[in-house]
Amino acid sequence: RHFGLAADEVRDLLEVAEEARRDSVDLHQFTSVVA
């Protein structure tokens, strides 16, 4: 709903975001992009 992505795009996004989350040192790198 939020990004208007297809199901396969969401699966890919979830994989990449999960890897980025696991590899992150802190969450500021994500909140700063959003802000």
ModelCIF file with pLDDT and N, C-alpha, C, O atoms, coordinates in Angstrom:
data_MODEL
#
_entry.id   MODEL 
#
_entity.id                         1 
_entity.type                       polymer 
_entity.pdbx_number_of_molecules   1 
#
_entity_poly.entity_id                      1 
_entity_poly.type                           'polypeptide(L)' 
_entity_poly.nstd_linkage                   no 
_entity_poly.nstd_monomer                   no 
_entity_poly.pdbx_seq_one_letter_code       RHFGLAADEVRDLLEVAEEARRDSVDLHQFTSVVA 
_entity_poly.pdbx_seq_one_letter_code_can   RHFGLAADEVRDLLEVAEEARRDSVDLHQFTSVVA 
_entity_poly.pdbx_strand_id                 A 
#
loop_
_entity_poly_seq.entity_id 
_entity_poly_seq.num 
_entity_poly_seq.mon_id 
_entity_poly_seq.hetero 
1 1  ARG n 
1 2  HIS n 
1 3  PHE n 
1 4  GLY n 
1 5  LEU n 
1 6  ALA n 
1 7  ALA n 
1 8  ASP n 
1 9  GLU n 
1 10 VAL n 
1 11 ARG n 
1 12 ASP n 
1 13 LEU n 
1 14 LEU n 
1 15 GLU n 
1 16 VAL n 
1 17 ALA n 
1 18 GLU n 
1 19 GLU n 
1 20 ALA n 
1 21 ARG n 
1 22 ARG n 
1 23 ASP n 
1 24 SER n 
1 25 VAL n 
1 26 ASP n 
1 27 LEU n 
1 28 HIS n 
1 29 GLN n 
1 30 PHE n 
1 31 THR n 
1 32 SER n 
1 33 VAL n 
1 34 VAL n 
1 35 ALA n 
#
_struct_asym.id          A 
_struct_asym.entity_id   1 
#
loop_
_ma_qa_metric.id 
_ma_qa_metric.mode 
_ma_qa_metric.name 
_ma_qa_metric.software_group_id 
_ma_qa_metric.type 
1 global pLDDT . pLDDT 
2 local  pLDDT . pLDDT 
#
_ma_qa_metric_global.metric_id      1 
_ma_qa_metric_global.metric_value   93.31 
_ma_qa_metric_global.model_id       1 
_ma_qa_metric_global.ordinal_id     1 
#
loop_
_ma_qa_metric_local.label_asym_id 
_ma_qa_metric_local.label_comp_id 
_ma_qa_metric_local.label_seq_id 
_ma_qa_metric_local.metric_id 
_ma_qa_metric_local.metric_value 
_ma_qa_metric_local.model_id 
_ma_qa_metric_local.ordinal_id 
A ARG 1  2 92.00 1 1  
A HIS 2  2 88.00 1 2  
A PHE 3  2 91.00 1 3  
A GLY 4  2 92.00 1 4  
A LEU 5  2 93.00 1 5  
A ALA 6  2 93.00 1 6  
A ALA 7  2 89.00 1 7  
A ASP 8  2 92.00 1 8  
A GLU 9  2 95.00 1 9  
A VAL 10 2 95.00 1 10 
A ARG 11 2 94.00 1 11 
A ASP 12 2 95.00 1 12 
A LEU 13 2 96.00 1 13 
A LEU 14 2 96.00 1 14 
A GLU 15 2 96.00 1 15 
A VAL 16 2 96.00 1 16 
A ALA 17 2 96.00 1 17 
A GLU 18 2 96.00 1 18 
A GLU 19 2 96.00 1 19 
A ALA 20 2 96.00 1 20 
A ARG 21 2 95.00 1 21 
A ARG 22 2 94.00 1 22 
A ASP 23 2 93.00 1 23 
A SER 24 2 92.00 1 24 
A VAL 25 2 89.00 1 25 
A ASP 26 2 89.00 1 26 
A LEU 27 2 89.00 1 27 
A HIS 28 2 91.00 1 28 
A GLN 29 2 92.00 1 29 
A PHE 30 2 95.00 1 30 
A THR 31 2 94.00 1 31 
A SER 32 2 94.00 1 32 
A VAL 33 2 94.00 1 33 
A VAL 34 2 95.00 1 34 
A ALA 35 2 93.00 1 35 
#
loop_
_atom_site.group_PDB 
_atom_site.id 
_atom_site.type_symbol 
_atom_site.label_atom_id 
_atom_site.label_alt_id 
_atom_site.label_comp_id 
_atom_site.label_asym_id 
_atom_site.label_entity_id 
_atom_site.label_seq_id 
_atom_site.pdbx_PDB_ins_code 
_atom_site.Cartn_x 
_atom_site.Cartn_y 
_atom_site.Cartn_z 
_atom_site.occupancy 
_atom_site.B_iso_or_equiv 
_atom_site.pdbx_formal_charge 
_atom_site.auth_seq_id 
_atom_site.auth_comp_id 
_atom_site.auth_asym_id 
_atom_site.auth_atom_id 
_atom_site.pdbx_PDB_model_num 
ATOM 1   N N  . ARG A 1 1  ? 0.818  -1.220 0.000  1.00 92.00 ? 1  ARG A N  1 
ATOM 2   C CA . ARG A 1 1  ? 0.000  0.000  0.000  1.00 92.00 ? 1  ARG A CA 1 
ATOM 3   C C  . ARG A 1 1  ? 0.850  1.266  0.000  1.00 92.00 ? 1  ARG A C  1 
ATOM 4   O O  . ARG A 1 1  ? 0.597  2.188  -0.775 1.00 92.00 ? 1  ARG A O  1 
ATOM 5   N N  . HIS A 1 2  ? 1.839  1.309  0.854  1.00 88.00 ? 2  HIS A N  1 
ATOM 6   C CA . HIS A 1 2  ? 2.618  2.533  1.068  1.00 88.00 ? 2  HIS A CA 1 
ATOM 7   C C  . HIS A 1 2  ? 3.489  2.888  -0.136 1.00 88.00 ? 2  HIS A C  1 
ATOM 8   O O  . HIS A 1 2  ? 3.592  4.055  -0.514 1.00 88.00 ? 2  HIS A O  1 
ATOM 9   N N  . PHE A 1 3  ? 4.114  1.872  -0.736 1.00 91.00 ? 3  PHE A N  1 
ATOM 10  C CA . PHE A 1 3  ? 5.030  2.130  -1.846 1.00 91.00 ? 3  PHE A CA 1 
ATOM 11  C C  . PHE A 1 3  ? 4.471  1.716  -3.202 1.00 91.00 ? 3  PHE A C  1 
ATOM 12  O O  . PHE A 1 3  ? 5.095  1.984  -4.228 1.00 91.00 ? 3  PHE A O  1 
ATOM 13  N N  . GLY A 1 4  ? 3.311  1.069  -3.227 1.00 92.00 ? 4  GLY A N  1 
ATOM 14  C CA . GLY A 1 4  ? 2.724  0.646  -4.488 1.00 92.00 ? 4  GLY A CA 1 
ATOM 15  C C  . GLY A 1 4  ? 3.542  -0.433 -5.185 1.00 92.00 ? 4  GLY A C  1 
ATOM 16  O O  . GLY A 1 4  ? 3.657  -0.441 -6.411 1.00 92.00 ? 4  GLY A O  1 
ATOM 17  N N  . LEU A 1 5  ? 4.110  -1.342 -4.398 1.00 93.00 ? 5  LEU A N  1 
ATOM 18  C CA . LEU A 1 5  ? 4.962  -2.392 -4.951 1.00 93.00 ? 5  LEU A CA 1 
ATOM 19  C C  . LEU A 1 5  ? 4.169  -3.668 -5.213 1.00 93.00 ? 5  LEU A C  1 
ATOM 20  O O  . LEU A 1 5  ? 3.162  -3.937 -4.558 1.00 93.00 ? 5  LEU A O  1 
ATOM 21  N N  . ALA A 1 6  ? 4.641  -4.440 -6.176 1.00 93.00 ? 6  ALA A N  1 
ATOM 22  C CA . ALA A 1 6  ? 4.084  -5.760 -6.453 1.00 93.00 ? 6  ALA A CA 1 
ATOM 23  C C  . ALA A 1 6  ? 4.635  -6.751 -5.427 1.00 93.00 ? 6  ALA A C  1 
ATOM 24  O O  . ALA A 1 6  ? 5.622  -6.470 -4.747 1.00 93.00 ? 6  ALA A O  1 
ATOM 25  N N  . ALA A 1 7  ? 3.995  -7.897 -5.326 1.00 89.00 ? 7  ALA A N  1 
ATOM 26  C CA . ALA A 1 7  ? 4.370  -8.899 -4.325 1.00 89.00 ? 7  ALA A CA 1 
ATOM 27  C C  . ALA A 1 7  ? 5.833  -9.326 -4.447 1.00 89.00 ? 7  ALA A C  1 
ATOM 28  O O  . ALA A 1 7  ? 6.514  -9.467 -3.432 1.00 89.00 ? 7  ALA A O  1 
ATOM 29  N N  . ASP A 1 8  ? 6.329  -9.535 -5.676 1.00 92.00 ? 8  ASP A N  1 
ATOM 30  C CA . ASP A 1 8  ? 7.728  -9.961 -5.840 1.00 92.00 ? 8  ASP A CA 1 
ATOM 31  C C  . ASP A 1 8  ? 8.690  -8.841 -5.449 1.00 92.00 ? 8  ASP A C  1 
ATOM 32  O O  . ASP A 1 8  ? 9.769  -9.104 -4.918 1.00 92.00 ? 8  ASP A O  1 
ATOM 33  N N  . GLU A 1 9  ? 8.302  -7.596 -5.709 1.00 95.00 ? 9  GLU A N  1 
ATOM 34  C CA . GLU A 1 9  ? 9.136  -6.464 -5.304 1.00 95.00 ? 9  GLU A CA 1 
ATOM 35  C C  . GLU A 1 9  ? 9.194  -6.349 -3.782 1.00 95.00 ? 9  GLU A C  1 
ATOM 36  O O  . GLU A 1 9  ? 10.235 -6.011 -3.219 1.00 95.00 ? 9  GLU A O  1 
ATOM 37  N N  . VAL A 1 10 ? 8.074  -6.632 -3.120 1.00 95.00 ? 10 VAL A N  1 
ATOM 38  C CA . VAL A 1 10 ? 8.036  -6.593 -1.662 1.00 95.00 ? 10 VAL A CA 1 
ATOM 39  C C  . VAL A 1 10 ? 8.930  -7.687 -1.080 1.00 95.00 ? 10 VAL A C  1 
ATOM 40  O O  . VAL A 1 10 ? 9.664  -7.444 -0.121 1.00 95.00 ? 10 VAL A O  1 
ATOM 41  N N  . ARG A 1 11 ? 8.873  -8.874 -1.648 1.00 94.00 ? 11 ARG A N  1 
ATOM 42  C CA . ARG A 1 11 ? 9.756  -9.964 -1.178 1.00 94.00 ? 11 ARG A CA 1 
ATOM 43  C C  . ARG A 1 11 ? 11.214 -9.555 -1.287 1.00 94.00 ? 11 ARG A C  1 
ATOM 44  O O  . ARG A 1 11 ? 11.990 -9.764 -0.354 1.00 94.00 ? 11 ARG A O  1 
ATOM 45  N N  . ASP A 1 12 ? 11.592 -8.974 -2.415 1.00 95.00 ? 12 ASP A N  1 
ATOM 46  C CA . ASP A 1 12 ? 12.969 -8.521 -2.608 1.00 95.00 ? 12 ASP A CA 1 
ATOM 47  C C  . ASP A 1 12 ? 13.324 -7.417 -1.618 1.00 95.00 ? 12 ASP A C  1 
ATOM 48  O O  . ASP A 1 12 ? 14.407 -7.426 -1.032 1.00 95.00 ? 12 ASP A O  1 
ATOM 49  N N  . LEU A 1 13 ? 12.418 -6.474 -1.436 1.00 96.00 ? 13 LEU A N  1 
ATOM 50  C CA . LEU A 1 13 ? 12.654 -5.372 -0.502 1.00 96.00 ? 13 LEU A CA 1 
ATOM 51  C C  . LEU A 1 13 ? 12.822 -5.899 0.918  1.00 96.00 ? 13 LEU A C  1 
ATOM 52  O O  . LEU A 1 13 ? 13.709 -5.447 1.642  1.00 96.00 ? 13 LEU A O  1 
ATOM 53  N N  . LEU A 1 14 ? 11.993 -6.836 1.318  1.00 96.00 ? 14 LEU A N  1 
ATOM 54  C CA . LEU A 1 14 ? 12.107 -7.437 2.652  1.00 96.00 ? 14 LEU A CA 1 
ATOM 55  C C  . LEU A 1 14 ? 13.464 -8.108 2.840  1.00 96.00 ? 14 LEU A C  1 
ATOM 56  O O  . LEU A 1 14 ? 14.082 -7.978 3.897  1.00 96.00 ? 14 LEU A O  1 
ATOM 57  N N  . GLU A 1 15 ? 13.925 -8.821 1.823  1.00 96.00 ? 15 GLU A N  1 
ATOM 58  C CA . GLU A 1 15 ? 15.235 -9.476 1.915  1.00 96.00 ? 15 GLU A CA 1 
ATOM 59  C C  . GLU A 1 15 ? 16.364 -8.469 2.081  1.00 96.00 ? 15 GLU A C  1 
ATOM 60  O O  . GLU A 1 15 ? 17.221 -8.618 2.952  1.00 96.00 ? 15 GLU A O  1 
ATOM 61  N N  . VAL A 1 16 ? 16.356 -7.454 1.245  1.00 96.00 ? 16 VAL A N  1 
ATOM 62  C CA . VAL A 1 16 ? 17.414 -6.445 1.283  1.00 96.00 ? 16 VAL A CA 1 
ATOM 63  C C  . VAL A 1 16 ? 17.367 -5.654 2.595  1.00 96.00 ? 16 VAL A C  1 
ATOM 64  O O  . VAL A 1 16 ? 18.403 -5.402 3.210  1.00 96.00 ? 16 VAL A O  1 
ATOM 65  N N  . ALA A 1 17 ? 16.166 -5.267 3.015  1.00 96.00 ? 17 ALA A N  1 
ATOM 66  C CA . ALA A 1 17 ? 16.029 -4.500 4.253  1.00 96.00 ? 17 ALA A CA 1 
ATOM 67  C C  . ALA A 1 17 ? 16.420 -5.335 5.465  1.00 96.00 ? 17 ALA A C  1 
ATOM 68  O O  . ALA A 1 17 ? 17.014 -4.817 6.410  1.00 96.00 ? 17 ALA A O  1 
ATOM 69  N N  . GLU A 1 18 ? 16.091 -6.616 5.443  1.00 96.00 ? 18 GLU A N  1 
ATOM 70  C CA . GLU A 1 18 ? 16.475 -7.495 6.555  1.00 96.00 ? 18 GLU A CA 1 
ATOM 71  C C  . GLU A 1 18 ? 17.996 -7.603 6.633  1.00 96.00 ? 18 GLU A C  1 
ATOM 72  O O  . GLU A 1 18 ? 18.568 -7.552 7.721  1.00 96.00 ? 18 GLU A O  1 
ATOM 73  N N  . GLU A 1 19 ? 18.639 -7.749 5.502  1.00 96.00 ? 19 GLU A N  1 
ATOM 74  C CA . GLU A 1 19 ? 20.101 -7.816 5.481  1.00 96.00 ? 19 GLU A CA 1 
ATOM 75  C C  . GLU A 1 19 ? 20.708 -6.495 5.955  1.00 96.00 ? 19 GLU A C  1 
ATOM 76  O O  . GLU A 1 19 ? 21.671 -6.494 6.722  1.00 96.00 ? 19 GLU A O  1 
ATOM 77  N N  . ALA A 1 20 ? 20.157 -5.389 5.507  1.00 96.00 ? 20 ALA A N  1 
ATOM 78  C CA . ALA A 1 20 ? 20.646 -4.073 5.933  1.00 96.00 ? 20 ALA A CA 1 
ATOM 79  C C  . ALA A 1 20 ? 20.451 -3.892 7.434  1.00 96.00 ? 20 ALA A C  1 
ATOM 80  O O  . ALA A 1 20 ? 21.325 -3.357 8.115  1.00 96.00 ? 20 ALA A O  1 
ATOM 81  N N  . ARG A 1 21 ? 19.321 -4.331 7.942  1.00 95.00 ? 21 ARG A N  1 
ATOM 82  C CA . ARG A 1 21 ? 19.029 -4.229 9.377  1.00 95.00 ? 21 ARG A CA 1 
ATOM 83  C C  . ARG A 1 21 ? 20.017 -5.041 10.199 1.00 95.00 ? 21 ARG A C  1 
ATOM 84  O O  . ARG A 1 21 ? 20.544 -4.564 11.203 1.00 95.00 ? 21 ARG A O  1 
ATOM 85  N N  . ARG A 1 22 ? 20.264 -6.271 9.765  1.00 94.00 ? 22 ARG A N  1 
ATOM 86  C CA . ARG A 1 22 ? 21.208 -7.135 10.478 1.00 94.00 ? 22 ARG A CA 1 
ATOM 87  C C  . ARG A 1 22 ? 22.627 -6.581 10.443 1.00 94.00 ? 22 ARG A C  1 
ATOM 88  O O  . ARG A 1 22 ? 23.364 -6.702 11.422 1.00 94.00 ? 22 ARG A O  1 
ATOM 89  N N  . ASP A 1 23 ? 23.016 -5.973 9.317  1.00 93.00 ? 23 ASP A N  1 
ATOM 90  C CA . ASP A 1 23 ? 24.374 -5.464 9.152  1.00 93.00 ? 23 ASP A CA 1 
ATOM 91  C C  . ASP A 1 23 ? 24.576 -4.067 9.730  1.00 93.00 ? 23 ASP A C  1 
ATOM 92  O O  . ASP A 1 23 ? 25.705 -3.578 9.781  1.00 93.00 ? 23 ASP A O  1 
ATOM 93  N N  . SER A 1 24 ? 23.505 -3.424 10.163 1.00 92.00 ? 24 SER A N  1 
ATOM 94  C CA . SER A 1 24 ? 23.612 -2.032 10.611 1.00 92.00 ? 24 SER A CA 1 
ATOM 95  C C  . SER A 1 24 ? 24.300 -1.935 11.970 1.00 92.00 ? 24 SER A C  1 
ATOM 96  O O  . SER A 1 24 ? 24.182 -2.812 12.825 1.00 92.00 ? 24 SER A O  1 
ATOM 97  N N  . VAL A 1 25 ? 25.010 -0.848 12.124 1.00 89.00 ? 25 VAL A N  1 
ATOM 98  C CA . VAL A 1 25 ? 25.656 -0.556 13.400 1.00 89.00 ? 25 VAL A CA 1 
ATOM 99  C C  . VAL A 1 25 ? 24.646 0.089  14.348 1.00 89.00 ? 25 VAL A C  1 
ATOM 100 O O  . VAL A 1 25 ? 24.629 -0.197 15.545 1.00 89.00 ? 25 VAL A O  1 
ATOM 101 N N  . ASP A 1 26 ? 23.820 0.950  13.801 1.00 89.00 ? 26 ASP A N  1 
ATOM 102 C CA . ASP A 1 26 ? 22.745 1.577  14.577 1.00 89.00 ? 26 ASP A CA 1 
ATOM 103 C C  . ASP A 1 26 ? 21.581 1.894  13.641 1.00 89.00 ? 26 ASP A C  1 
ATOM 104 O O  . ASP A 1 26 ? 21.672 1.725  12.425 1.00 89.00 ? 26 ASP A O  1 
ATOM 105 N N  . LEU A 1 27 ? 20.517 2.344  14.224 1.00 89.00 ? 27 LEU A N  1 
ATOM 106 C CA . LEU A 1 27 ? 19.308 2.603  13.435 1.00 89.00 ? 27 LEU A CA 1 
ATOM 107 C C  . LEU A 1 27 ? 19.233 4.027  12.910 1.00 89.00 ? 27 LEU A C  1 
ATOM 108 O O  . LEU A 1 27 ? 18.359 4.357  12.109 1.00 89.00 ? 27 LEU A O  1 
ATOM 109 N N  . HIS A 1 28 ? 20.146 4.862  13.359 1.00 91.00 ? 28 HIS A N  1 
ATOM 110 C CA . HIS A 1 28 ? 20.164 6.251  12.897 1.00 91.00 ? 28 HIS A CA 1 
ATOM 111 C C  . HIS A 1 28 ? 20.350 6.321  11.381 1.00 91.00 ? 28 HIS A C  1 
ATOM 112 O O  . HIS A 1 28 ? 19.822 7.225  10.733 1.00 91.00 ? 28 HIS A O  1 
ATOM 113 N N  . GLN A 1 29 ? 21.092 5.381  10.819 1.00 92.00 ? 29 GLN A N  1 
ATOM 114 C CA . GLN A 1 29 ? 21.287 5.401  9.369  1.00 92.00 ? 29 GLN A CA 1 
ATOM 115 C C  . GLN A 1 29 ? 19.972 5.269  8.620  1.00 92.00 ? 29 GLN A C  1 
ATOM 116 O O  . GLN A 1 29 ? 19.836 5.797  7.517  1.00 92.00 ? 29 GLN A O  1 
ATOM 117 N N  . PHE A 1 30 ? 19.019 4.584  9.190  1.00 95.00 ? 30 PHE A N  1 
ATOM 118 C CA . PHE A 1 30 ? 17.711 4.436  8.556  1.00 95.00 ? 30 PHE A CA 1 
ATOM 119 C C  . PHE A 1 30 ? 16.798 5.626  8.860  1.00 95.00 ? 30 PHE A C  1 
ATOM 120 O O  . PHE A 1 30 ? 16.151 6.165  7.962  1.00 95.00 ? 30 PHE A O  1 
ATOM 121 N N  . THR A 1 31 ? 16.753 6.028  10.129 1.00 94.00 ? 31 THR A N  1 
ATOM 122 C CA . THR A 1 31 ? 15.873 7.147  10.488 1.00 94.00 ? 31 THR A CA 1 
ATOM 123 C C  . THR A 1 31 ? 16.322 8.438  9.818  1.00 94.00 ? 31 THR A C  1 
ATOM 124 O O  . THR A 1 31 ? 15.487 9.281  9.489  1.00 94.00 ? 31 THR A O  1 
ATOM 125 N N  . SER A 1 32 ? 17.620 8.607  9.611  1.00 94.00 ? 32 SER A N  1 
ATOM 126 C CA . SER A 1 32 ? 18.091 9.847  8.971  1.00 94.00 ? 32 SER A CA 1 
ATOM 127 C C  . SER A 1 32 ? 17.657 9.910  7.506  1.00 94.00 ? 32 SER A C  1 
ATOM 128 O O  . SER A 1 32 ? 17.337 10.989 7.007  1.00 94.00 ? 32 SER A O  1 
ATOM 129 N N  . VAL A 1 33 ? 17.642 8.777  6.817  1.00 94.00 ? 33 VAL A N  1 
ATOM 130 C CA . VAL A 1 33 ? 17.172 8.746  5.422  1.00 94.00 ? 33 VAL A CA 1 
ATOM 131 C C  . VAL A 1 33 ? 15.694 9.112  5.374  1.00 94.00 ? 33 VAL A C  1 
ATOM 132 O O  . VAL A 1 33 ? 15.278 9.929  4.552  1.00 94.00 ? 33 VAL A O  1 
ATOM 133 N N  . VAL A 1 34 ? 14.907 8.510  6.251  1.00 95.00 ? 34 VAL A N  1 
ATOM 134 C CA . VAL A 1 34 ? 13.472 8.785  6.283  1.00 95.00 ? 34 VAL A CA 1 
ATOM 135 C C  . VAL A 1 34 ? 13.216 10.245 6.646  1.00 95.00 ? 34 VAL A C  1 
ATOM 136 O O  . VAL A 1 34 ? 12.408 10.910 5.997  1.00 95.00 ? 34 VAL A O  1 
ATOM 137 N N  . ALA A 1 35 ? 13.889 10.745 7.665  1.00 93.00 ? 35 ALA A N  1 
ATOM 138 C CA . ALA A 1 35 ? 13.678 12.131 8.106  1.00 93.00 ? 35 ALA A CA 1 
ATOM 139 C C  . ALA A 1 35 ? 14.041 13.132 7.012  1.00 93.00 ? 35 ALA A C  1 
ATOM 140 O O  . ALA A 1 35 ? 13.922 14.340 7.217  1.00 93.00 ? 35 ALA A O  1 
#
